[in-house]
C-alpha atoms as a PDB file:
ATOM      1  CA  MET A   1      87.190 104.474  77.953  1.00  0.00           C
ATOM      2  CA  SER A   2      88.981 103.817  81.238  1.00  0.00           C
ATOM      3  CA  ASN A   3      90.040 106.435  83.769  1.00  0.00           C
ATOM      4  CA  GLU A   4      93.769 106.480  82.998  1.00  0.00           C
ATOM      5  CA  ARG A   5      94.371 109.484  85.244  1.00  0.00           C
ATOM      6  CA  LEU A   6      93.187 107.507  88.239  1.00  0.00           C
ATOM      7  CA  ARG A   7      95.199 104.463  87.208  1.00  0.00           C
ATOM      8  CA  SER A   8      98.356 106.552  86.664  1.00  0.00           C
ATOM      9  CA  ALA A   9      98.005 108.380  89.985  1.00  0.00           C
ATOM     10  CA  ILE A  10      97.835 105.040  91.803  1.00  0.00           C
ATOM     11  CA  VAL A  11     100.853 103.681  89.916  1.00  0.00           C
ATOM     12  CA  ASP A  12     102.875 106.879  90.439  1.00  0.00           C
ATOM     13  CA  LEU A  13     102.587 106.471  94.201  1.00  0.00           C
ATOM     14  CA  GLY A  14     103.568 102.815  93.987  1.00  0.00           C
ATOM     15  CA  LEU A  15     100.247 101.621  95.374  1.00  0.00           C
ATOM     16  CA  THR A  16      98.258  98.536  94.454  1.00  0.00           C
ATOM     17  CA  LEU A  17      94.497  98.451  94.054  1.00  0.00           C
ATOM     18  CA  ASP A  18      94.287  96.397  97.244  1.00  0.00           C
ATOM     19  CA  GLU A  19      96.245  99.036  99.168  1.00  0.00           C
ATOM     20  CA  VAL A  20      94.081 101.864  97.849  1.00  0.00           C
ATOM     21  CA  ALA A  21      90.921  99.926  98.654  1.00  0.00           C
ATOM     22  CA  GLN A  22      92.121  99.142 102.170  1.00  0.00           C
ATOM     23  CA  ARG A  23      92.914 102.791 102.937  1.00  0.00           C
ATOM     24  CA  LEU A  24      89.562 103.952 101.574  1.00  0.00           C
ATOM     25  CA  GLY A  25      87.569 101.194 103.249  1.00  0.00           C
ATOM     26  CA  VAL A  26      86.136  99.737 100.035  1.00  0.00           C
ATOM     27  CA  ALA A  27      86.598  96.538  98.043  1.00  0.00           C
ATOM     28  CA  ALA A  28      89.452  96.287  95.514  1.00  0.00           C
ATOM     29  CA  LYS A  29      86.830  95.418  92.884  1.00  0.00           C
ATOM     30  CA  THR A  30      85.206  98.780  93.557  1.00  0.00           C
ATOM     31  CA  VAL A  31      88.429 100.667  92.841  1.00  0.00           C
ATOM     32  CA  GLU A  32      88.894  98.571  89.716  1.00  0.00           C
ATOM     33  CA  ARG A  33      85.420  99.602  88.517  1.00  0.00           C
ATOM     34  CA  TRP A  34      86.244 103.280  89.114  1.00  0.00           C
ATOM     35  CA  ILE A  35      89.124 102.814  86.694  1.00  0.00           C
ATOM     36  CA  ASN A  36      87.551 100.580  84.066  1.00  0.00           C
ATOM     37  CA  GLU A  37      83.964 101.840  84.172  1.00  0.00           C
ATOM     38  CA  PRO A  38      83.978 105.669  84.025  1.00  0.00           C
ATOM     39  CA  ASP A  39      80.216 105.743  84.595  1.00  0.00           C
ATOM     40  CA  ARG A  40      80.794 104.158  88.011  1.00  0.00           C
ATOM     41  CA  LYS A  41      82.171 107.215  89.751  1.00  0.00           C
ATOM     42  CA  PRO A  42      82.563 107.009  93.530  1.00  0.00           C
ATOM     43  CA  TYR A  43      80.379 108.959  95.936  1.00  0.00           C
ATOM     44  CA  ARG A  44      81.648 112.439  96.694  1.00  0.00           C
ATOM     45  CA  ARG A  45      83.134 111.409 100.034  1.00  0.00           C
ATOM     46  CA  PHE A  46      85.190 108.724  98.306  1.00  0.00           C
ATOM     47  CA  GLN A  47      86.221 111.140  95.567  1.00  0.00           C
ATOM     48  CA  TYR A  48      87.640 113.472  98.209  1.00  0.00           C
ATOM     49  CA  ALA A  49      89.269 110.624 100.116  1.00  0.00           C
ATOM     50  CA  THR A  50      90.820 109.221  96.920  1.00  0.00           C
ATOM     51  CA  ALA A  51      92.090 112.614  95.798  1.00  0.00           C
ATOM     52  CA  SER A  52      93.630 113.220  99.224  1.00  0.00           C
ATOM     53  CA  LEU A  53      95.272 109.789  99.234  1.00  0.00           C
ATOM     54  CA  LEU A  54      96.672 110.245  95.718  1.00  0.00           C
ATOM     55  CA  LYS A  55      97.601 113.917  96.295  1.00  0.00           C
ATOM     56  CA  CYS A  56      95.497 115.099  93.344  1.00  0.00           C
ATOM     57  CA  GLU A  57      92.612 117.446  92.693  1.00  0.00           C
ATOM     58  CA  VAL A  58      89.237 115.722  92.467  1.00  0.00           C
ATOM     59  CA  SER A  59      88.750 117.535  89.157  1.00  0.00           C
ATOM     60  CA  TYR A  60      91.992 115.996  87.824  1.00  0.00           C
ATOM     61  CA  LEU A  61      90.861 112.445  88.544  1.00  0.00           C
ATOM     62  CA  TRP A  62      87.290 113.122  87.405  1.00  0.00           C
ATOM     63  CA  PRO A  63      87.407 116.095  84.989  1.00  0.00           C
ATOM     64  CA  ASP A  64      83.665 116.748  85.064  1.00  0.00           C
ATOM     65  CA  GLU A  65      83.857 117.464  88.806  1.00  0.00           C
ATOM     66  CA  ARG A  66      84.501 120.923  90.213  1.00  0.00           C
ATOM     67  CA  THR A  67      87.904 122.123  91.392  1.00  0.00           C
ATOM     68  CA  SER A  68      88.649 122.628  95.074  1.00  0.00           C
ATOM     69  CA  ALA A  69      88.505 126.378  94.516  1.00  0.00           C
ATOM     70  CA  GLU A  70      85.032 126.089  93.012  1.00  0.00           C
ATOM     71  CA  VAL A  71      83.811 123.893  95.863  1.00  0.00           C
ATOM     72  CA  THR A  72      85.243 126.365  98.374  1.00  0.00           C
ATOM     73  CA  ALA A  73      83.635 129.314  96.621  1.00  0.00           C
ATOM     74  CA  SER A  74      80.206 127.682  96.637  1.00  0.00           C
ATOM     75  CA  GLY A  75      80.623 126.798 100.309  1.00  0.00           C
ATOM     76  CA  ASN A  76      81.461 130.405 101.126  1.00  0.00           C
ATOM     77  CA  ALA A  77      78.322 131.459  99.272  1.00  0.00           C
ATOM     78  CA  GLU A  78      76.282 129.365 101.710  1.00  0.00           C
ATOM     79  CA  LEU A  79      77.698 131.148 104.762  1.00  0.00           C
ATOM     80  CA  VAL A  80      75.354 134.001 105.634  1.00  0.00           C
ATOM     81  CA  ARG A  81      77.219 134.953 108.788  1.00  0.00           C
ATOM     82  CA  LEU A  82      79.624 133.578 111.373  1.00  0.00           C
ATOM     83  CA  TYR A  83      78.963 134.456 115.006  1.00  0.00           C
ATOM     84  CA  PRO A  84      81.924 134.000 117.400  1.00  0.00           C
ATOM     85  CA  HIS A  85      79.602 132.557 120.046  1.00  0.00           C
ATOM     86  CA  ARG A  86      75.909 131.915 120.505  1.00  0.00           C
ATOM     87  CA  SER A  87      75.462 134.505 123.217  1.00  0.00           C
ATOM     88  CA  VAL A  88      75.880 137.334 120.675  1.00  0.00           C
ATOM     89  CA  VAL A  89      73.200 135.972 118.342  1.00  0.00           C
ATOM     90  CA  MET A  90      69.935 137.880 118.580  1.00  0.00           C
ATOM     91  CA  GLN A  91      67.312 135.616 120.161  1.00  0.00           C
ATOM     92  CA  ASN A  92      64.801 136.445 117.432  1.00  0.00           C
ATOM     93  CA  LEU A  93      67.092 135.006 114.758  1.00  0.00           C
ATOM     94  CA  TRP A  94      66.018 131.500 115.789  1.00  0.00           C
ATOM     95  CA  THR A  95      62.339 132.356 115.979  1.00  0.00           C
ATOM     96  CA  ASN A  96      62.395 134.355 112.730  1.00  0.00           C
ATOM     97  CA  LEU A  97      64.083 131.428 111.008  1.00  0.00           C
ATOM     98  CA  TYR A  98      61.516 128.892 112.208  1.00  0.00           C
ATOM     99  CA  ALA A  99      58.634 131.251 111.475  1.00  0.00           C
ATOM    100  CA  GLN A 100      59.492 130.906 107.776  1.00  0.00           C
ATOM    101  CA  ALA A 101      59.542 127.088 107.769  1.00  0.00           C
ATOM    102  CA  ASN A 102      57.221 125.322 105.340  1.00  0.00           C
ATOM    103  CA  THR A 103      58.842 121.936 104.654  1.00  0.00           C
ATOM    104  CA  HIS A 104      61.595 121.357 107.236  1.00  0.00           C
ATOM    105  CA  PHE A 105      61.511 122.272 110.931  1.00  0.00           C
ATOM    106  CA  ASP A 106      64.298 120.375 112.708  1.00  0.00           C
ATOM    107  CA  LEU A 107      65.959 120.865 116.075  1.00  0.00           C
ATOM    108  CA  LEU A 108      68.956 118.687 116.955  1.00  0.00           C
ATOM    109  CA  ALA A 109      70.686 119.280 120.288  1.00  0.00           C
ATOM    110  CA  TYR A 110      71.304 117.675 123.644  1.00  0.00           C
ATOM    111  CA  SER A 111      68.889 119.983 125.455  1.00  0.00           C
ATOM    112  CA  GLY A 112      68.722 123.363 123.696  1.00  0.00           C
ATOM    113  CA  PHE A 113      67.246 124.390 127.044  1.00  0.00           C
ATOM    114  CA  TRP A 114      67.397 128.142 126.449  1.00  0.00           C
ATOM    115  CA  LEU A 115      64.946 127.782 123.552  1.00  0.00           C
ATOM    116  CA  THR A 116      62.432 125.797 125.617  1.00  0.00           C
ATOM    117  CA  GLU A 117      61.800 128.886 127.750  1.00  0.00           C
ATOM    118  CA  ASP A 118      60.990 131.151 124.795  1.00  0.00           C
ATOM    119  CA  PRO A 119      57.190 131.642 124.538  1.00  0.00           C
ATOM    120  CA  THR A 120      57.554 132.950 120.985  1.00  0.00           C
ATOM    121  CA  PHE A 121      59.195 129.684 119.958  1.00  0.00           C
ATOM    122  CA  HIS A 122      56.381 127.667 121.521  1.00  0.00           C
ATOM    123  CA  ARG A 123      53.826 129.790 119.678  1.00  0.00           C
ATOM    124  CA  ILE A 124      55.606 129.264 116.361  1.00  0.00           C
ATOM    125  CA  VAL A 125      55.705 125.489 116.885  1.00  0.00           C
ATOM    126  CA  LYS A 126      51.940 125.461 117.489  1.00  0.00           C
ATOM    127  CA  GLU A 127      51.279 127.663 114.455  1.00  0.00           C
ATOM    128  CA  LYS A 128      53.452 125.558 112.182  1.00  0.00           C
ATOM    129  CA  SER A 129      51.832 122.399 113.491  1.00  0.00           C
ATOM    130  CA  ALA A 130      48.428 123.832 112.587  1.00  0.00           C
ATOM    131  CA  ASP A 131      49.778 124.692 109.126  1.00  0.00           C
ATOM    132  CA  GLY A 132      50.830 121.076 108.540  1.00  0.00           C
ATOM    133  CA  VAL A 133      54.589 121.615 108.741  1.00  0.00           C
ATOM    134  CA  PRO A 134      56.466 118.475 109.927  1.00  0.00           C
ATOM    135  CA  ILE A 135      58.374 119.327 113.113  1.00  0.00           C
ATOM    136  CA  ARG A 136      61.158 117.117 114.471  1.00  0.00           C
ATOM    137  CA  PHE A 137      62.807 117.496 117.880  1.00  0.00           C
ATOM    138  CA  MET A 138      65.935 115.444 118.561  1.00  0.00           C
ATOM    139  CA  LEU A 139      67.177 115.733 122.144  1.00  0.00           C
ATOM    140  CA  GLY A 140      69.789 113.759 124.031  1.00  0.00           C
ATOM    141  CA  GLU A 141      68.880 110.527 125.822  1.00  0.00           C
ATOM    142  CA  PRO A 142      69.374 111.663 129.454  1.00  0.00           C
ATOM    143  CA  THR A 143      70.886 108.319 130.510  1.00  0.00           C
ATOM    144  CA  SER A 144      73.180 107.993 127.467  1.00  0.00           C
ATOM    145  CA  ALA A 145      76.959 108.016 127.592  1.00  0.00           C
ATOM    146  CA  ALA A 146      76.999 110.883 125.076  1.00  0.00           C
ATOM    147  CA  VAL A 147      75.032 113.165 127.414  1.00  0.00           C
ATOM    148  CA  GLU A 148      77.229 112.165 130.339  1.00  0.00           C
ATOM    149  CA  VAL A 149      80.401 112.930 128.382  1.00  0.00           C
ATOM    150  CA  ARG A 150      79.058 116.252 127.125  1.00  0.00           C
ATOM    151  CA  GLY A 151      78.246 117.215 130.708  1.00  0.00           C
ATOM    152  CA  GLU A 152      81.830 116.472 131.708  1.00  0.00           C
ATOM    153  CA  ASP A 153      83.157 118.318 128.650  1.00  0.00           C
ATOM    154  CA  GLU A 154      81.202 121.452 129.585  1.00  0.00           C
ATOM    155  CA  GLY A 155      82.181 121.141 133.225  1.00  0.00           C
ATOM    156  CA  ILE A 156      78.600 120.745 134.475  1.00  0.00           C
ATOM    157  CA  GLY A 157      78.585 116.974 134.978  1.00  0.00           C
ATOM    158  CA  ALA A 158      75.191 115.413 135.733  1.00  0.00           C
ATOM    159  CA  ALA A 159      73.513 118.793 135.284  1.00  0.00           C
ATOM    160  CA  MET A 160      73.513 118.152 131.521  1.00  0.00           C
ATOM    161  CA  ALA A 161      71.132 115.219 131.921  1.00  0.00           C
ATOM    162  CA  GLY A 162      69.023 117.409 134.195  1.00  0.00           C
ATOM    163  CA  LYS A 163      68.844 120.091 131.507  1.00  0.00           C
ATOM    164  CA  VAL A 164      67.579 117.527 129.005  1.00  0.00           C
ATOM    165  CA  ARG A 165      64.882 116.305 131.416  1.00  0.00           C
ATOM    166  CA  ASN A 166      63.826 119.884 132.154  1.00  0.00           C
ATOM    167  CA  ALA A 167      63.724 120.669 128.443  1.00  0.00           C
ATOM    168  CA  LEU A 168      61.377 117.737 127.899  1.00  0.00           C
ATOM    169  CA  VAL A 169      59.118 118.987 130.687  1.00  0.00           C
ATOM    170  CA  ASN A 170      59.064 122.488 129.171  1.00  0.00           C
ATOM    171  CA  TYR A 171      58.147 120.982 125.819  1.00  0.00           C
ATOM    172  CA  GLY A 172      55.317 119.020 127.424  1.00  0.00           C
ATOM    173  CA  PRO A 173      52.509 121.109 125.827  1.00  0.00           C
ATOM    174  CA  LEU A 174      53.960 120.386 122.376  1.00  0.00           C
ATOM    175  CA  PHE A 175      53.706 116.604 122.645  1.00  0.00           C
ATOM    176  CA  GLY A 176      50.779 115.231 120.689  1.00  0.00           C
ATOM    177  CA  LEU A 177      50.424 118.221 118.387  1.00  0.00           C
ATOM    178  CA  PRO A 178      49.815 117.230 114.728  1.00  0.00           C
ATOM    179  CA  GLY A 179      53.082 116.667 112.888  1.00  0.00           C
ATOM    180  CA  VAL A 180      55.267 117.233 115.972  1.00  0.00           C
ATOM    181  CA  GLU A 181      57.616 114.355 116.769  1.00  0.00           C
ATOM    182  CA  PHE A 182      60.146 113.938 119.556  1.00  0.00           C
ATOM    183  CA  ARG A 183      63.044 111.505 119.545  1.00  0.00           C
ATOM    184  CA  LEU A 184      65.924 110.886 121.952  1.00  0.00           C
ATOM    185  CA  HIS A 185      69.417 110.154 120.662  1.00  0.00           C
ATOM    186  CA  GLY A 186      72.677 108.965 122.153  1.00  0.00           C
ATOM    187  CA  THR A 187      74.840 110.460 119.423  1.00  0.00           C
ATOM    188  CA  THR A 188      78.088 112.321 119.966  1.00  0.00           C
ATOM    189  CA  LEU A 189      77.210 115.766 118.628  1.00  0.00           C
ATOM    190  CA  TYR A 190      79.809 118.162 117.289  1.00  0.00           C
ATOM    191  CA  ASN A 191      77.119 120.750 116.593  1.00  0.00           C
ATOM    192  CA  SER A 192      73.601 121.552 117.658  1.00  0.00           C
ATOM    193  CA  ILE A 193      71.692 122.107 114.425  1.00  0.00           C
ATOM    194  CA  TYR A 194      68.559 124.179 113.949  1.00  0.00           C
ATOM    195  CA  ARG A 195      67.087 123.862 110.449  1.00  0.00           C
ATOM    196  CA  ALA A 196      64.182 125.681 108.833  1.00  0.00           C
ATOM    197  CA  ASP A 197      63.756 124.755 105.151  1.00  0.00           C
ATOM    198  CA  ASP A 198      66.938 125.897 103.346  1.00  0.00           C
ATOM    199  CA  GLU A 199      68.426 127.823 106.249  1.00  0.00           C
ATOM    200  CA  MET A 200      70.059 126.568 109.419  1.00  0.00           C
ATOM    201  CA  LEU A 201      72.054 127.619 112.438  1.00  0.00           C
ATOM    202  CA  ALA A 202      74.850 125.268 113.451  1.00  0.00           C
ATOM    203  CA  ASN A 203      76.111 125.850 116.998  1.00  0.00           C
ATOM    204  CA  GLY A 204      79.505 124.191 117.414  1.00  0.00           C
ATOM    205  CA  HIS A 205      80.487 122.142 120.465  1.00  0.00           C
ATOM    206  CA  LEU A 206      83.933 122.820 121.919  1.00  0.00           C
ATOM    207  CA  TYR A 207      85.634 120.855 124.667  1.00  0.00           C
ATOM    208  CA  GLY A 208      85.527 122.714 127.966  1.00  0.00           C
ATOM    209  CA  VAL A 209      83.238 125.422 126.572  1.00  0.00           C
ATOM    210  CA  GLY A 210      79.493 125.774 127.031  1.00  0.00           C
ATOM    211  CA  ALA A 211      77.501 125.844 123.803  1.00  0.00           C
ATOM    212  CA  TYR A 212      76.455 129.452 124.488  1.00  0.00           C
ATOM    213  CA  MET A 213      80.120 130.479 124.106  1.00  0.00           C
ATOM    214  CA  ALA A 214      80.791 128.356 120.983  1.00  0.00           C
ATOM    215  CA  PRO A 215      80.580 129.635 117.387  1.00  0.00           C
ATOM    216  CA  VAL A 216      77.387 129.639 115.331  1.00  0.00           C
ATOM    217  CA  LEU A 217      77.251 129.314 111.539  1.00  0.00           C
ATOM    218  CA  HIS A 218      74.227 130.782 109.780  1.00  0.00           C
ATOM    219  CA  LEU A 219      73.926 128.825 106.530  1.00  0.00           C
ATOM    220  CA  ARG A 220      71.633 129.167 103.545  1.00  0.00           C
ATOM    221  CA  ARG A 221      71.484 126.343 101.008  1.00  0.00           C
ATOM    222  CA  VAL A 222      72.849 127.136  97.538  1.00  0.00           C
ATOM    223  CA  PRO A 223      72.095 124.659  94.711  1.00  0.00           C
ATOM    224  CA  GLY A 224      75.219 122.708  93.814  1.00  0.00           C
ATOM    225  CA  ALA A 225      77.047 123.615  97.030  1.00  0.00           C
ATOM    226  CA  GLU A 226      77.812 121.058  99.726  1.00  0.00           C
ATOM    227  CA  LEU A 227      78.155 122.698 103.145  1.00  0.00           C
ATOM    228  CA  PHE A 228      74.465 122.971 104.034  1.00  0.00           C
ATOM    229  CA  ASP A 229      73.732 119.486 102.723  1.00  0.00           C
ATOM    230  CA  ALA A 230      76.538 117.985 104.819  1.00  0.00           C
ATOM    231  CA  TYR A 231      74.939 119.306 108.010  1.00  0.00           C
ATOM    232  CA  ALA A 232      71.463 118.293 106.794  1.00  0.00           C
ATOM    233  CA  GLU A 233      72.658 114.755 106.127  1.00  0.00           C
ATOM    234  CA  SER A 234      73.994 114.574 109.679  1.00  0.00           C
ATOM    235  CA  VAL A 235      70.569 115.531 111.014  1.00  0.00           C
ATOM    236  CA  GLU A 236      68.955 112.741 109.011  1.00  0.00           C
ATOM    237  CA  LYS A 237      71.386 110.151 110.330  1.00  0.00           C
ATOM    238  CA  VAL A 238      70.649 111.121 113.929  1.00  0.00           C
ATOM    239  CA  TRP A 239      66.906 111.062 113.276  1.00  0.00           C
ATOM    240  CA  GLU A 240      67.066 107.573 111.810  1.00  0.00           C
ATOM    241  CA  SER A 241      68.910 106.184 114.827  1.00  0.00           C
ATOM    242  CA  ALA A 242      66.985 108.074 117.533  1.00  0.00           C
ATOM    243  CA  ARG A 243      64.231 106.625 119.742  1.00  0.00           C
ATOM    244  CA  PRO A 244      60.689 108.007 119.366  1.00  0.00           C
ATOM    245  CA  ILE A 245      58.953 109.162 122.553  1.00  0.00           C
ATOM    246  CA  SER A 246      55.336 110.181 123.100  1.00  0.00           C
ATOM    247  CA  SER A 247      55.613 112.090 126.402  1.00  0.00           C
ATOM    248  CA  PRO A 248      58.251 113.908 128.480  1.00  0.00           C
ATOM    249  CA  ALA A 249      58.343 110.977 130.904  1.00  0.00           C
ATOM    250  CA  ASP A 250      59.315 108.420 128.248  1.00  0.00           C
ATOM    251  CA  TRP A 251      63.018 108.918 128.913  1.00  0.00           C
ATOM    252  CA  GLU A 252      62.519 107.105 132.226  1.00  0.00           C
ATOM    253  CA  SER A 253      62.063 103.808 130.351  1.00  0.00           C
ATOM    254  CA  THR A 254      65.842 103.718 129.837  1.00  0.00           C
ATOM    255  CA  ALA A 255      66.740 104.618 133.394  1.00  0.00           C
ATOM    256  CA  SER A 256      66.056 101.206 134.939  1.00  0.00           C
END
């Protein structure tokens, strides 16, 4: 049985399959399969994009999907707390979070310099390494355009690259520990993300504002919800594209 709701929504707006496909960035054959082969539902991001384009609820086009209200409710359930800026977050929230990690210990930032000076954090990294927990640090490539732009955005210019280099030096004793990996990325970050298993802190980046004055979301993963997983997926994409390093001095290989 074909998806007549999807077909009708496209016709009602006077669009062709080619036009829909072009706006969604997929092949016209793909849209045709969504209509004629109900088992070939699009990925969630394309469901949302299609529903927005056709001015419909996702659950109208694909009745077995949740309504927008249900998606919103589950997302709200994942929000433990919203902090107006990082400077009001208790320092031990980060260390307490990571102290509970058993399967995921991820840090994604440009420098996250303030955390590199916390002896409790260093101790937790060493303890988790000894316990066999995989630990992934993703810091900004000091010579990358993304770090340069972020420095300008925060109003500190080249000091941003200096903070990254200093962070790497501070993390020096952690290099070579079992299960601890460092990578450098040149990604434009909209958040610094600190994940421990099914909890994370997402520190937003705002133009003209230092990260310490930007909001922080404390999230806890809820099965079936999507907010936590969206941030987690972003972390994975950065990790896949980042460059592994084996010592604090490895960043210099890109400086020549």
